[in-house]
Every structure is written in C-alpha cells, then in structure tokens.
Amino acid sequence: MTDWLLLLKLSLGGVLLFDLLILQRKPAADAIVQRLDWQAELARKGTYGWLMPTAALLVLLLDRAQGNDPRPALALLALVVAYLALPRSLALEREHLLLDGWRIPLARVLSVKPVEDGVAVSLERFGWLTEQHLPAGAVADALQERLAQRPGREP
C-alpha cells in the first residue's frame, strides 16, 4: 500500500505543479483583464474547492496511520493550498479567452448566457463540450458583446 500512496502523491503533485506553471501565463498587452482573488476562484471551483484539500488531508492521514514519512503528503497539501489560493487572471484577448491559464480560441466559445452573478460560457475544450462560470465584470461583458457581434452565432 505504501508504494501506491507514493505513486498517488507523485502523480497528484505532478499535475498540481503543471497547473501552477500554466497559471503563470500572462495575458496579452491589449487584453481585457480581470484578476480573480482566491475567494472568487474558490466560488468558481465549487466542489473542487473543498474536495482537493480533503483528498490531500486523507492522504496525510493514511501516511500517519501507516507510519510513513509525512513530508511528501505535507508537500502535496501545500501544493493544493497554493493552487487554490493563487490569484489568477481571466482575460479576453483579440482571438483567445485566457481561462485557468489556458488560451481558448474564441472560435471554440459556443455561447455566453447571463446568470445571476456572471455568465455561463459554453465552449469546446479538448474535444469536449463544457460550461464554465465567469464572474460578472469587464471580461464577461466584453465576451458577451463580442459574441453578439459574431455572425451566425447565438449570443
């Protein structure tokens, strides 16, 4: 079981390091930028905002129960907290939407629908249809305007 826990910690740590690296991407100079603080990002993450730290704490508890060195699990917990607490930029560039560090081409944004506290963006990401919630602000307003101007698209 110890080998599986170590593999789990290494794989989760690798994914979190990759995510932390791509979150460092800077928006283009002419982009409309909205900076999300950790509270807005936690609200946007939803269930993952509490599920990720809970999973890291579970791994730490399993390590302690088996008498393993807790440092790798503590490092994993620190990566989770850093990932959730890191302020990130949401930006609308000329041809892309910068969301969670990923540059998504605007051609892949299918629709933008107003919701109570922002907009729901339907987009194709990695070949899958997904819906992302964006908080109200300059980026959400500009994205709605830009999509409304596109011929043949539903705003």
N, C-alpha and C. Protein backbone atom coordinates (compact mmCIF):
# COMPACT_ATOMS: atom_id res chain seq x y z
N MET A 1 0.83 -1.20 0.00
CA MET A 1 0.00 0.00 0.00
C MET A 1 0.86 1.25 0.00
N THR A 2 2.01 1.19 0.64
CA THR A 2 2.88 2.36 0.72
C THR A 2 3.34 2.80 -0.67
N ASP A 3 3.65 1.83 -1.55
CA ASP A 3 4.08 2.18 -2.90
C ASP A 3 2.97 2.88 -3.66
N TRP A 4 1.73 2.43 -3.47
CA TRP A 4 0.61 3.08 -4.15
C TRP A 4 0.40 4.49 -3.64
N LEU A 5 0.55 4.68 -2.35
CA LEU A 5 0.41 6.04 -1.81
C LEU A 5 1.49 6.97 -2.34
N LEU A 6 2.70 6.46 -2.47
CA LEU A 6 3.78 7.28 -3.01
C LEU A 6 3.51 7.63 -4.47
N LEU A 7 3.05 6.65 -5.25
CA LEU A 7 2.70 6.93 -6.65
C LEU A 7 1.56 7.93 -6.75
N LEU A 8 0.57 7.81 -5.86
CA LEU A 8 -0.54 8.75 -5.84
C LEU A 8 -0.04 10.16 -5.54
N LYS A 9 0.81 10.28 -4.55
CA LYS A 9 1.34 11.61 -4.19
C LYS A 9 2.17 12.20 -5.32
N LEU A 10 2.99 11.37 -5.96
CA LEU A 10 3.82 11.87 -7.06
C LEU A 10 2.97 12.30 -8.25
N SER A 11 1.95 11.51 -8.59
CA SER A 11 1.12 11.87 -9.74
C SER A 11 0.29 13.12 -9.45
N LEU A 12 -0.32 13.19 -8.28
CA LEU A 12 -1.09 14.40 -7.94
C LEU A 12 -0.19 15.63 -7.85
N GLY A 13 0.99 15.45 -7.28
CA GLY A 13 1.94 16.56 -7.20
C GLY A 13 2.38 17.03 -8.57
N GLY A 14 2.60 16.10 -9.49
CA GLY A 14 2.98 16.47 -10.86
C GLY A 14 1.89 17.25 -11.56
N VAL A 15 0.64 16.81 -11.41
CA VAL A 15 -0.49 17.52 -12.02
C VAL A 15 -0.62 18.93 -11.43
N LEU A 16 -0.48 19.04 -10.11
CA LEU A 16 -0.59 20.35 -9.47
C LEU A 16 0.55 21.28 -9.88
N LEU A 17 1.76 20.75 -10.00
CA LEU A 17 2.88 21.58 -10.47
C LEU A 17 2.63 22.08 -11.88
N PHE A 18 2.14 21.21 -12.76
CA PHE A 18 1.81 21.62 -14.12
C PHE A 18 0.75 22.73 -14.11
N ASP A 19 -0.31 22.54 -13.30
CA ASP A 19 -1.35 23.56 -13.22
C ASP A 19 -0.82 24.88 -12.68
N LEU A 20 0.05 24.81 -11.67
CA LEU A 20 0.64 26.04 -11.14
C LEU A 20 1.50 26.75 -12.18
N LEU A 21 2.18 25.98 -13.01
CA LEU A 21 3.00 26.59 -14.06
C LEU A 21 2.15 27.27 -15.12
N ILE A 22 1.08 26.62 -15.58
CA ILE A 22 0.28 27.26 -16.63
C ILE A 22 -0.52 28.43 -16.11
N LEU A 23 -0.78 28.47 -14.80
CA LEU A 23 -1.48 29.62 -14.24
C LEU A 23 -0.61 30.88 -14.28
N GLN A 24 0.68 30.72 -14.51
CA GLN A 24 1.59 31.87 -14.58
C GLN A 24 1.56 32.57 -15.92
N ARG A 25 0.81 32.04 -16.89
CA ARG A 25 0.74 32.68 -18.21
C ARG A 25 0.16 34.08 -18.06
N LYS A 26 0.78 34.99 -18.77
CA LYS A 26 0.36 36.39 -18.72
C LYS A 26 -0.55 36.70 -19.91
N PRO A 27 -1.54 37.53 -19.70
CA PRO A 27 -2.40 37.94 -20.82
C PRO A 27 -1.65 38.85 -21.79
N ALA A 28 -2.16 38.93 -22.99
CA ALA A 28 -1.58 39.82 -23.99
C ALA A 28 -1.70 41.27 -23.52
N ALA A 29 -0.86 42.13 -24.07
CA ALA A 29 -0.81 43.53 -23.63
C ALA A 29 -2.13 44.26 -23.89
N ASP A 30 -2.83 43.92 -24.98
CA ASP A 30 -4.06 44.63 -25.33
C ASP A 30 -5.32 43.91 -24.83
N ALA A 31 -5.18 42.96 -23.94
CA ALA A 31 -6.31 42.16 -23.46
C ALA A 31 -7.12 42.90 -22.40
N ILE A 32 -8.37 42.53 -22.30
CA ILE A 32 -9.23 42.99 -21.21
C ILE A 32 -9.01 41.99 -20.08
N VAL A 33 -8.51 42.47 -18.95
CA VAL A 33 -8.07 41.57 -17.88
C VAL A 33 -8.91 41.79 -16.63
N GLN A 34 -9.25 40.68 -15.99
CA GLN A 34 -9.93 40.71 -14.70
C GLN A 34 -9.16 39.77 -13.79
N ARG A 35 -8.73 40.26 -12.67
CA ARG A 35 -7.95 39.46 -11.73
C ARG A 35 -8.90 38.86 -10.69
N LEU A 36 -8.88 37.53 -10.56
CA LEU A 36 -9.75 36.86 -9.61
C LEU A 36 -8.97 36.57 -8.33
N ASP A 37 -9.51 36.99 -7.20
CA ASP A 37 -8.85 36.68 -5.93
C ASP A 37 -9.20 35.25 -5.53
N TRP A 38 -8.64 34.78 -4.45
CA TRP A 38 -8.81 33.39 -4.07
C TRP A 38 -10.25 33.07 -3.69
N GLN A 39 -10.97 34.03 -3.14
CA GLN A 39 -12.36 33.78 -2.75
C GLN A 39 -13.25 33.60 -3.98
N ALA A 40 -13.05 34.46 -4.98
CA ALA A 40 -13.83 34.32 -6.22
C ALA A 40 -13.48 33.03 -6.93
N GLU A 41 -12.21 32.66 -6.89
CA GLU A 41 -11.79 31.42 -7.54
C GLU A 41 -12.34 30.20 -6.81
N LEU A 42 -12.37 30.23 -5.48
CA LEU A 42 -12.96 29.12 -4.73
C LEU A 42 -14.44 28.98 -5.05
N ALA A 43 -15.13 30.10 -5.17
CA ALA A 43 -16.55 30.05 -5.53
C ALA A 43 -16.72 29.48 -6.93
N ARG A 44 -15.82 29.82 -7.84
CA ARG A 44 -15.88 29.32 -9.21
C ARG A 44 -15.53 27.84 -9.27
N LYS A 45 -14.63 27.38 -8.42
CA LYS A 45 -14.23 25.97 -8.40
C LYS A 45 -15.34 25.07 -7.87
N GLY A 46 -16.18 25.61 -7.00
CA GLY A 46 -17.30 24.82 -6.48
C GLY A 46 -16.83 23.68 -5.60
N THR A 47 -17.25 22.48 -5.92
CA THR A 47 -16.96 21.29 -5.12
C THR A 47 -15.47 21.03 -5.00
N TYR A 48 -14.72 21.31 -6.06
CA TYR A 48 -13.28 21.05 -6.03
C TYR A 48 -12.58 21.93 -4.99
N GLY A 49 -13.18 23.04 -4.62
CA GLY A 49 -12.59 23.91 -3.62
C GLY A 49 -12.43 23.26 -2.26
N TRP A 50 -13.29 22.34 -1.94
CA TRP A 50 -13.13 21.61 -0.66
C TRP A 50 -12.70 20.17 -0.88
N LEU A 51 -12.96 19.61 -2.07
CA LEU A 51 -12.60 18.22 -2.33
C LEU A 51 -11.08 18.03 -2.44
N MET A 52 -10.39 18.97 -3.07
CA MET A 52 -8.94 18.83 -3.24
C MET A 52 -8.20 18.85 -1.90
N PRO A 53 -8.44 19.81 -1.01
CA PRO A 53 -7.74 19.76 0.28
C PRO A 53 -8.15 18.55 1.13
N THR A 54 -9.41 18.13 1.01
CA THR A 54 -9.85 16.95 1.75
C THR A 54 -9.11 15.70 1.29
N ALA A 55 -8.91 15.55 -0.01
CA ALA A 55 -8.16 14.40 -0.53
C ALA A 55 -6.71 14.44 -0.05
N ALA A 56 -6.10 15.62 -0.04
CA ALA A 56 -4.72 15.74 0.44
C ALA A 56 -4.63 15.42 1.93
N LEU A 57 -5.61 15.85 2.69
CA LEU A 57 -5.62 15.51 4.12
C LEU A 57 -5.83 14.01 4.34
N LEU A 58 -6.64 13.38 3.50
CA LEU A 58 -6.84 11.93 3.59
C LEU A 58 -5.54 11.18 3.32
N VAL A 59 -4.80 11.64 2.33
CA VAL A 59 -3.50 11.02 2.04
C VAL A 59 -2.56 11.20 3.23
N LEU A 60 -2.58 12.38 3.84
CA LEU A 60 -1.75 12.63 5.02
C LEU A 60 -2.15 11.70 6.17
N LEU A 61 -3.44 11.53 6.38
CA LEU A 61 -3.92 10.63 7.44
C LEU A 61 -3.52 9.18 7.16
N LEU A 62 -3.61 8.76 5.91
CA LEU A 62 -3.18 7.40 5.56
C LEU A 62 -1.69 7.21 5.82
N ASP A 63 -0.90 8.23 5.49
CA ASP A 63 0.53 8.17 5.77
C ASP A 63 0.80 8.04 7.27
N ARG A 64 0.12 8.84 8.05
CA ARG A 64 0.32 8.79 9.50
C ARG A 64 -0.12 7.44 10.07
N ALA A 65 -1.23 6.90 9.57
CA ALA A 65 -1.73 5.61 10.06
C ALA A 65 -0.76 4.47 9.74
N GLN A 66 -0.04 4.59 8.62
CA GLN A 66 0.90 3.54 8.23
C GLN A 66 2.31 3.81 8.73
N GLY A 67 2.51 4.91 9.39
CA GLY A 67 3.82 5.23 9.93
C GLY A 67 4.81 5.72 8.89
N ASN A 68 4.31 6.24 7.77
CA ASN A 68 5.18 6.76 6.70
C ASN A 68 5.64 8.18 7.02
N ASP A 69 6.65 8.59 6.32
CA ASP A 69 7.15 9.96 6.44
C ASP A 69 6.07 10.92 5.94
N PRO A 70 5.65 11.89 6.74
CA PRO A 70 4.55 12.77 6.32
C PRO A 70 4.97 13.90 5.37
N ARG A 71 6.27 14.08 5.14
CA ARG A 71 6.71 15.22 4.33
C ARG A 71 6.15 15.22 2.91
N PRO A 72 6.13 14.10 2.17
CA PRO A 72 5.53 14.15 0.82
C PRO A 72 4.05 14.53 0.85
N ALA A 73 3.30 14.03 1.82
CA ALA A 73 1.89 14.37 1.92
C ALA A 73 1.71 15.84 2.30
N LEU A 74 2.57 16.35 3.16
CA LEU A 74 2.51 17.77 3.52
C LEU A 74 2.86 18.65 2.32
N ALA A 75 3.81 18.19 1.52
CA ALA A 75 4.15 18.94 0.29
C ALA A 75 2.96 18.94 -0.66
N LEU A 76 2.27 17.82 -0.77
CA LEU A 76 1.07 17.74 -1.60
C LEU A 76 0.00 18.69 -1.09
N LEU A 77 -0.21 18.72 0.20
CA LEU A 77 -1.19 19.64 0.79
C LEU A 77 -0.80 21.10 0.52
N ALA A 78 0.49 21.41 0.62
CA ALA A 78 0.95 22.77 0.33
C ALA A 78 0.71 23.12 -1.14
N LEU A 79 0.91 22.18 -2.06
CA LEU A 79 0.63 22.43 -3.48
C LEU A 79 -0.85 22.68 -3.71
N VAL A 80 -1.70 21.93 -3.05
CA VAL A 80 -3.15 22.11 -3.18
C VAL A 80 -3.55 23.50 -2.70
N VAL A 81 -3.05 23.89 -1.54
CA VAL A 81 -3.38 25.21 -0.99
C VAL A 81 -2.85 26.31 -1.91
N ALA A 82 -1.63 26.14 -2.43
CA ALA A 82 -1.07 27.13 -3.35
C ALA A 82 -1.91 27.23 -4.61
N TYR A 83 -2.34 26.10 -5.12
CA TYR A 83 -3.17 26.09 -6.34
C TYR A 83 -4.49 26.81 -6.11
N LEU A 84 -5.12 26.55 -4.98
CA LEU A 84 -6.42 27.17 -4.70
C LEU A 84 -6.29 28.65 -4.33
N ALA A 85 -5.20 29.03 -3.68
CA ALA A 85 -5.06 30.40 -3.19
C ALA A 85 -4.42 31.34 -4.20
N LEU A 86 -3.80 30.81 -5.24
CA LEU A 86 -3.10 31.66 -6.21
C LEU A 86 -4.08 32.52 -6.99
N PRO A 87 -3.94 33.85 -6.92
CA PRO A 87 -4.81 34.70 -7.74
C PRO A 87 -4.50 34.48 -9.21
N ARG A 88 -5.52 34.49 -10.03
CA ARG A 88 -5.31 34.21 -11.44
C ARG A 88 -6.01 35.24 -12.31
N SER A 89 -5.50 35.38 -13.51
CA SER A 89 -6.05 36.34 -14.45
C SER A 89 -7.06 35.66 -15.36
N LEU A 90 -8.14 36.36 -15.58
CA LEU A 90 -9.13 35.98 -16.57
C LEU A 90 -9.05 37.08 -17.61
N ALA A 91 -8.80 36.73 -18.86
CA ALA A 91 -8.56 37.78 -19.86
C ALA A 91 -9.24 37.44 -21.18
N LEU A 92 -9.72 38.47 -21.83
CA LEU A 92 -10.25 38.35 -23.18
C LEU A 92 -9.25 39.03 -24.11
N GLU A 93 -8.56 38.20 -24.88
CA GLU A 93 -7.59 38.70 -25.85
C GLU A 93 -8.27 38.86 -27.20
N ARG A 94 -7.51 39.28 -28.20
CA ARG A 94 -8.10 39.51 -29.51
C ARG A 94 -8.73 38.25 -30.09
N GLU A 95 -8.06 37.12 -29.98
CA GLU A 95 -8.53 35.87 -30.58
C GLU A 95 -8.71 34.74 -29.56
N HIS A 96 -8.45 35.02 -28.26
CA HIS A 96 -8.48 33.96 -27.26
C HIS A 96 -9.14 34.43 -25.97
N LEU A 97 -9.58 33.46 -25.21
CA LEU A 97 -10.03 33.67 -23.84
C LEU A 97 -9.01 32.97 -22.94
N LEU A 98 -8.37 33.73 -22.06
CA LEU A 98 -7.41 33.15 -21.12
C LEU A 98 -8.18 32.76 -19.87
N LEU A 99 -8.31 31.44 -19.67
CA LEU A 99 -9.11 30.90 -18.58
C LEU A 99 -8.33 29.78 -17.90
N ASP A 100 -8.05 29.93 -16.64
CA ASP A 100 -7.28 28.94 -15.87
C ASP A 100 -5.92 28.66 -16.50
N GLY A 101 -5.32 29.67 -17.09
CA GLY A 101 -4.00 29.51 -17.69
C GLY A 101 -4.03 28.99 -19.12
N TRP A 102 -5.17 28.56 -19.58
CA TRP A 102 -5.30 28.03 -20.95
C TRP A 102 -5.80 29.11 -21.88
N ARG A 103 -5.22 29.19 -23.05
CA ARG A 103 -5.70 30.11 -24.09
C ARG A 103 -6.68 29.34 -24.97
N ILE A 104 -7.95 29.68 -24.85
CA ILE A 104 -9.00 29.01 -25.59
C ILE A 104 -9.39 29.90 -26.76
N PRO A 105 -9.27 29.40 -28.01
CA PRO A 105 -9.66 30.22 -29.17
C PRO A 105 -11.13 30.62 -29.08
N LEU A 106 -11.43 31.85 -29.45
CA LEU A 106 -12.81 32.33 -29.38
C LEU A 106 -13.72 31.54 -30.33
N ALA A 107 -13.14 30.92 -31.36
CA ALA A 107 -13.94 30.09 -32.26
C ALA A 107 -14.52 28.88 -31.52
N ARG A 108 -13.91 28.51 -30.42
CA ARG A 108 -14.39 27.36 -29.63
C ARG A 108 -15.41 27.77 -28.56
N VAL A 109 -15.64 29.07 -28.41
CA VAL A 109 -16.67 29.55 -27.48
C VAL A 109 -18.00 29.51 -28.24
N LEU A 110 -18.91 28.68 -27.77
CA LEU A 110 -20.16 28.44 -28.48
C LEU A 110 -21.26 29.42 -28.09
N SER A 111 -21.38 29.71 -26.80
CA SER A 111 -22.41 30.66 -26.36
C SER A 111 -22.04 31.23 -25.00
N VAL A 112 -22.65 32.36 -24.72
CA VAL A 112 -22.48 33.03 -23.43
C VAL A 112 -23.87 33.41 -22.95
N LYS A 113 -24.25 32.89 -21.78
CA LYS A 113 -25.58 33.17 -21.25
C LYS A 113 -25.45 33.84 -19.89
N PRO A 114 -26.18 34.94 -19.69
CA PRO A 114 -26.14 35.60 -18.38
C PRO A 114 -26.74 34.70 -17.29
N VAL A 115 -26.09 34.70 -16.13
CA VAL A 115 -26.62 34.04 -14.94
C VAL A 115 -26.63 35.06 -13.82
N GLU A 116 -27.03 34.64 -12.66
CA GLU A 116 -27.24 35.57 -11.55
C GLU A 116 -26.01 36.43 -11.21
N ASP A 117 -24.84 35.81 -11.13
CA ASP A 117 -23.65 36.56 -10.70
C ASP A 117 -22.53 36.53 -11.72
N GLY A 118 -22.88 36.48 -12.99
CA GLY A 118 -21.86 36.47 -14.05
C GLY A 118 -22.43 35.92 -15.34
N VAL A 119 -21.64 35.08 -16.02
CA VAL A 119 -22.09 34.45 -17.25
C VAL A 119 -21.69 32.98 -17.25
N ALA A 120 -22.45 32.19 -17.97
CA ALA A 120 -22.13 30.79 -18.20
C ALA A 120 -21.63 30.70 -19.64
N VAL A 121 -20.40 30.24 -19.80
CA VAL A 121 -19.77 30.15 -21.12
C VAL A 121 -19.76 28.69 -21.55
N SER A 122 -20.41 28.40 -22.67
CA SER A 122 -20.36 27.06 -23.25
C SER A 122 -19.24 27.05 -24.26
N LEU A 123 -18.34 26.08 -24.13
CA LEU A 123 -17.20 26.03 -25.03
C LEU A 123 -16.76 24.60 -25.28
N GLU A 124 -16.00 24.45 -26.35
CA GLU A 124 -15.40 23.17 -26.66
C GLU A 124 -13.97 23.22 -26.15
N ARG A 125 -13.64 22.26 -25.30
CA ARG A 125 -12.30 22.24 -24.69
C ARG A 125 -11.79 20.82 -24.72
N PHE A 126 -10.69 20.61 -25.40
CA PHE A 126 -10.09 19.29 -25.54
C PHE A 126 -11.06 18.30 -26.18
N GLY A 127 -11.90 18.79 -27.10
CA GLY A 127 -12.83 17.92 -27.80
C GLY A 127 -14.13 17.67 -27.05
N TRP A 128 -14.28 18.21 -25.86
CA TRP A 128 -15.48 18.02 -25.05
C TRP A 128 -16.23 19.34 -24.94
N LEU A 129 -17.55 19.24 -24.86
CA LEU A 129 -18.35 20.43 -24.58
C LEU A 129 -18.40 20.63 -23.08
N THR A 130 -18.15 21.85 -22.65
CA THR A 130 -18.13 22.14 -21.22
C THR A 130 -18.74 23.52 -20.99
N GLU A 131 -19.15 23.75 -19.78
CA GLU A 131 -19.68 25.05 -19.40
C GLU A 131 -18.87 25.57 -18.23
N GLN A 132 -18.37 26.78 -18.36
CA GLN A 132 -17.58 27.43 -17.32
C GLN A 132 -18.34 28.66 -16.84
N HIS A 133 -18.26 28.90 -15.56
CA HIS A 133 -18.87 30.09 -14.97
C HIS A 133 -17.81 31.18 -14.86
N LEU A 134 -18.12 32.35 -15.38
CA LEU A 134 -17.24 33.51 -15.24
C LEU A 134 -17.95 34.55 -14.38
N PRO A 135 -17.27 35.12 -13.40
CA PRO A 135 -17.92 36.13 -12.57
C PRO A 135 -18.19 37.40 -13.36
N ALA A 136 -19.16 38.16 -12.88
CA ALA A 136 -19.51 39.42 -13.53
C ALA A 136 -18.30 40.35 -13.52
N GLY A 137 -18.13 41.08 -14.60
CA GLY A 137 -17.01 42.01 -14.70
C GLY A 137 -16.74 42.38 -16.14
N ALA A 138 -15.61 43.02 -16.36
CA ALA A 138 -15.26 43.54 -17.68
C ALA A 138 -15.10 42.43 -18.71
N VAL A 139 -14.51 41.31 -18.31
CA VAL A 139 -14.29 40.21 -19.26
C VAL A 139 -15.62 39.60 -19.68
N ALA A 140 -16.50 39.36 -18.73
CA ALA A 140 -17.80 38.77 -19.05
C ALA A 140 -18.61 39.69 -19.95
N ASP A 141 -18.59 40.99 -19.68
CA ASP A 141 -19.33 41.94 -20.51
C ASP A 141 -18.76 42.01 -21.92
N ALA A 142 -17.44 42.08 -22.03
CA ALA A 142 -16.80 42.17 -23.35
C ALA A 142 -17.00 40.88 -24.14
N LEU A 143 -16.99 39.74 -23.48
CA LEU A 143 -17.20 38.47 -24.17
C LEU A 143 -18.62 38.39 -24.71
N GLN A 144 -19.59 38.84 -23.94
CA GLN A 144 -20.97 38.87 -24.42
C GLN A 144 -21.10 39.78 -25.63
N GLU A 145 -20.50 40.96 -25.58
CA GLU A 145 -20.57 41.89 -26.70
C GLU A 145 -19.90 41.31 -27.94
N ARG A 146 -18.74 40.74 -27.76
CA ARG A 146 -18.00 40.21 -28.90
C ARG A 146 -18.73 39.03 -29.54
N LEU A 147 -19.33 38.18 -28.73
CA LEU A 147 -20.04 37.03 -29.27
C LEU A 147 -21.34 37.47 -29.96
N ALA A 148 -21.97 38.54 -29.47
CA ALA A 148 -23.18 39.05 -30.10
C ALA A 148 -22.89 39.63 -31.48
N GLN A 149 -21.66 40.11 -31.70
CA GLN A 149 -21.28 40.69 -32.98
C GLN A 149 -20.90 39.64 -34.02
N ARG A 150 -20.65 38.41 -33.57
CA ARG A 150 -20.23 37.35 -34.48
C ARG A 150 -21.42 36.89 -35.32
N PRO A 151 -21.27 36.86 -36.65
CA PRO A 151 -22.38 36.41 -37.49
C PRO A 151 -22.63 34.91 -37.34
N GLY A 152 -23.91 34.53 -37.31
CA GLY A 152 -24.26 33.12 -37.27
C GLY A 152 -24.14 32.47 -35.92
N ARG A 153 -23.86 33.23 -34.88
CA ARG A 153 -23.74 32.67 -33.53
C ARG A 153 -24.86 33.21 -32.65
N GLU A 154 -25.30 32.35 -31.75
CA GLU A 154 -26.31 32.76 -30.78
C GLU A 154 -25.62 33.41 -29.59
N PRO A 155 -26.00 34.63 -29.20
CA PRO A 155 -25.35 35.28 -28.06
C PRO A 155 -25.69 34.63 -26.74
